[in-house]
Amino acid sequence: MPTPMGERIRELRLKNGLTLEALAERVGSSKSYMWEIENKGVARPSAEKLHLIANALDTTTGYLLATDEVTEADAADLAFFRNYQKMNVKSKERLRGMLKILDDEDE
């Protein structure tokens, strides 16, 4: 019986159009190990492996582990911000400019 974490991983993997093999490759694991994480209640990935899975699925470890009502949209926003923080100054400025243009279009 899959855990809520396994169900969330499968849901995000399919939403991102990834096969088990493709996700395993991104994470540096075997396809069978990824299958166990998705489908068995006993699979408990390490914190490092969970971090790699979250990055590969553009989400957060908090979303994958959450037992309360953390939404996928909240996790996607946090993952986006995490990527933003890694950008260089020039890229951040360009992105802020794009957001301003998009915001102006909504008015």
C-alpha atoms as a PDB file:
ATOM      1  CA  MET A   1       0.000   0.000   0.000  1.00  0.00           C
ATOM      2  CA  PRO A   2       1.535   3.339  -1.034  1.00  0.00           C
ATOM      3  CA  THR A   3       2.159   6.112   1.455  1.00  0.00           C
ATOM      4  CA  PRO A   4       0.853   9.658   0.918  1.00  0.00           C
ATOM      5  CA  MET A   5       4.439  10.557  -0.036  1.00  0.00           C
ATOM      6  CA  GLY A   6       4.528   7.784  -2.639  1.00  0.00           C
ATOM      7  CA  GLU A   7       1.197   8.894  -4.052  1.00  0.00           C
ATOM      8  CA  ARG A   8       2.391  12.500  -4.315  1.00  0.00           C
ATOM      9  CA  ILE A   9       5.610  11.442  -6.032  1.00  0.00           C
ATOM     10  CA  ARG A  10       3.677   9.337  -8.566  1.00  0.00           C
ATOM     11  CA  GLU A  11       1.166  12.128  -9.191  1.00  0.00           C
ATOM     12  CA  LEU A  12       3.904  14.716  -9.800  1.00  0.00           C
ATOM     13  CA  ARG A  13       5.984  12.309 -11.896  1.00  0.00           C
ATOM     14  CA  LEU A  14       3.037  11.648 -14.201  1.00  0.00           C
ATOM     15  CA  LYS A  15       2.083  15.320 -14.306  1.00  0.00           C
ATOM     16  CA  ASN A  16       5.651  16.109 -15.414  1.00  0.00           C
ATOM     17  CA  GLY A  17       5.481  13.388 -18.078  1.00  0.00           C
ATOM     18  CA  LEU A  18       8.255  11.321 -16.515  1.00  0.00           C
ATOM     19  CA  THR A  19       8.563   7.562 -16.522  1.00  0.00           C
ATOM     20  CA  LEU A  20       9.865   5.761 -13.462  1.00  0.00           C
ATOM     21  CA  GLU A  21      13.089   5.226 -15.365  1.00  0.00           C
ATOM     22  CA  ALA A  22      13.436   8.927 -16.232  1.00  0.00           C
ATOM     23  CA  LEU A  23      12.834   9.992 -12.627  1.00  0.00           C
ATOM     24  CA  ALA A  24      15.268   7.366 -11.361  1.00  0.00           C
ATOM     25  CA  GLU A  25      17.901   8.672 -13.773  1.00  0.00           C
ATOM     26  CA  ARG A  26      17.418  12.270 -12.599  1.00  0.00           C
ATOM     27  CA  VAL A  27      17.681  11.150  -8.979  1.00  0.00           C
ATOM     28  CA  GLY A  28      20.558   8.725  -9.442  1.00  0.00           C
ATOM     29  CA  SER A  29      18.598   5.673  -8.299  1.00  0.00           C
ATOM     30  CA  SER A  30      17.313   2.499  -9.840  1.00  0.00           C
ATOM     31  CA  LYS A  31      13.889   2.205 -11.423  1.00  0.00           C
ATOM     32  CA  SER A  32      12.983  -0.533  -8.930  1.00  0.00           C
ATOM     33  CA  TYR A  33      13.871   1.698  -5.966  1.00  0.00           C
ATOM     34  CA  MET A  34      11.676   4.492  -7.319  1.00  0.00           C
ATOM     35  CA  TRP A  35       8.869   1.973  -7.807  1.00  0.00           C
ATOM     36  CA  GLU A  36       9.219   0.925  -4.163  1.00  0.00           C
ATOM     37  CA  ILE A  37       9.042   4.527  -2.980  1.00  0.00           C
ATOM     38  CA  GLU A  38       5.862   5.078  -4.980  1.00  0.00           C
ATOM     39  CA  ASN A  39       4.152   1.786  -4.195  1.00  0.00           C
ATOM     40  CA  LYS A  40       5.310   0.371  -0.860  1.00  0.00           C
ATOM     41  CA  GLY A  41       4.626   1.667   2.600  1.00  0.00           C
ATOM     42  CA  VAL A  42       8.057   0.634   3.861  1.00  0.00           C
ATOM     43  CA  ALA A  43      10.263   2.652   1.503  1.00  0.00           C
ATOM     44  CA  ARG A  44      11.894   5.533   3.378  1.00  0.00           C
ATOM     45  CA  PRO A  45      14.303   7.514   1.242  1.00  0.00           C
ATOM     46  CA  SER A  46      17.149   9.391   2.891  1.00  0.00           C
ATOM     47  CA  ALA A  47      16.872  13.152   3.278  1.00  0.00           C
ATOM     48  CA  GLU A  48      19.395  13.564   0.467  1.00  0.00           C
ATOM     49  CA  LYS A  49      17.430  11.269  -1.870  1.00  0.00           C
ATOM     50  CA  LEU A  50      14.160  12.999  -0.974  1.00  0.00           C
ATOM     51  CA  HIS A  51      15.744  16.360  -1.786  1.00  0.00           C
ATOM     52  CA  LEU A  52      16.836  15.038  -5.205  1.00  0.00           C
ATOM     53  CA  ILE A  53      13.342  13.678  -5.894  1.00  0.00           C
ATOM     54  CA  ALA A  54      11.742  17.002  -4.955  1.00  0.00           C
ATOM     55  CA  ASN A  55      14.132  18.923  -7.223  1.00  0.00           C
ATOM     56  CA  ALA A  56      13.488  16.534 -10.115  1.00  0.00           C
ATOM     57  CA  LEU A  57       9.746  17.081  -9.702  1.00  0.00           C
ATOM     58  CA  ASP A  58       9.961  20.874  -9.193  1.00  0.00           C
ATOM     59  CA  THR A  59       8.472  20.712  -5.730  1.00  0.00           C
ATOM     60  CA  THR A  60       9.639  20.764  -2.114  1.00  0.00           C
ATOM     61  CA  THR A  61      10.442  18.019   0.354  1.00  0.00           C
ATOM     62  CA  GLY A  62       7.855  19.607   2.638  1.00  0.00           C
ATOM     63  CA  TYR A  63       5.123  18.929   0.084  1.00  0.00           C
ATOM     64  CA  LEU A  64       6.240  15.325  -0.410  1.00  0.00           C
ATOM     65  CA  LEU A  65       6.340  14.673   3.339  1.00  0.00           C
ATOM     66  CA  ALA A  66       3.311  16.723   4.396  1.00  0.00           C
ATOM     67  CA  THR A  67       0.454  14.939   6.038  1.00  0.00           C
ATOM     68  CA  ASP A  68      -1.605  18.111   6.382  1.00  0.00           C
ATOM     69  CA  GLU A  69      -3.153  20.190   3.629  1.00  0.00           C
ATOM     70  CA  VAL A  70      -0.115  21.572   1.844  1.00  0.00           C
ATOM     71  CA  THR A  71      -1.205  22.246  -1.699  1.00  0.00           C
ATOM     72  CA  GLU A  72       0.751  21.431  -4.805  1.00  0.00           C
ATOM     73  CA  ALA A  73       0.476  25.102  -5.813  1.00  0.00           C
ATOM     74  CA  ASP A  74       2.127  26.185  -2.550  1.00  0.00           C
ATOM     75  CA  ALA A  75       4.954  23.725  -3.136  1.00  0.00           C
ATOM     76  CA  ALA A  76       5.369  24.891  -6.738  1.00  0.00           C
ATOM     77  CA  ASP A  77       5.647  28.496  -5.541  1.00  0.00           C
ATOM     78  CA  LEU A  78       8.306  27.543  -3.002  1.00  0.00           C
ATOM     79  CA  ALA A  79      10.229  25.554  -5.625  1.00  0.00           C
ATOM     80  CA  PHE A  80      10.045  28.548  -7.999  1.00  0.00           C
ATOM     81  CA  PHE A  81      11.396  30.851  -5.290  1.00  0.00           C
ATOM     82  CA  ARG A  82      14.185  28.368  -4.527  1.00  0.00           C
ATOM     83  CA  ASN A  83      15.205  28.503  -8.199  1.00  0.00           C
ATOM     84  CA  TYR A  84      14.922  32.304  -8.207  1.00  0.00           C
ATOM     85  CA  GLN A  85      17.298  32.537  -5.249  1.00  0.00           C
ATOM     86  CA  LYS A  86      19.948  30.636  -7.233  1.00  0.00           C
ATOM     87  CA  MET A  87      19.802  33.051 -10.195  1.00  0.00           C
ATOM     88  CA  ASN A  88      22.435  35.673 -10.869  1.00  0.00           C
ATOM     89  CA  VAL A  89      21.552  39.350 -10.348  1.00  0.00           C
ATOM     90  CA  LYS A  90      20.990  40.101 -14.054  1.00  0.00           C
ATOM     91  CA  SER A  91      18.582  37.163 -14.465  1.00  0.00           C
ATOM     92  CA  LYS A  92      16.665  38.229 -11.366  1.00  0.00           C
ATOM     93  CA  GLU A  93      16.307  41.767 -12.755  1.00  0.00           C
ATOM     94  CA  ARG A  94      14.999  40.431 -16.085  1.00  0.00           C
ATOM     95  CA  LEU A  95      12.517  38.159 -14.341  1.00  0.00           C
ATOM     96  CA  ARG A  96      11.249  41.005 -12.167  1.00  0.00           C
ATOM     97  CA  GLY A  97      10.811  43.073 -15.347  1.00  0.00           C
ATOM     98  CA  MET A  98       8.794  40.275 -16.950  1.00  0.00           C
ATOM     99  CA  LEU A  99       6.608  40.003 -13.859  1.00  0.00           C
ATOM    100  CA  LYS A 100       5.951  43.748 -13.943  1.00  0.00           C
ATOM    101  CA  ILE A 101       4.853  43.499 -17.599  1.00  0.00           C
ATOM    102  CA  LEU A 102       2.566  40.582 -16.815  1.00  0.00           C
ATOM    103  CA  ASP A 103       1.140  42.376 -13.791  1.00  0.00           C
ATOM    104  CA  ASP A 104       0.474  45.513 -15.883  1.00  0.00           C
ATOM    105  CA  GLU A 105      -1.430  43.396 -18.435  1.00  0.00           C
ATOM    106  CA  ASP A 106      -3.802  42.159 -15.719  1.00  0.00           C
ATOM    107  CA  GLU A 107      -4.919  45.684 -14.827  1.00  0.00           C
END
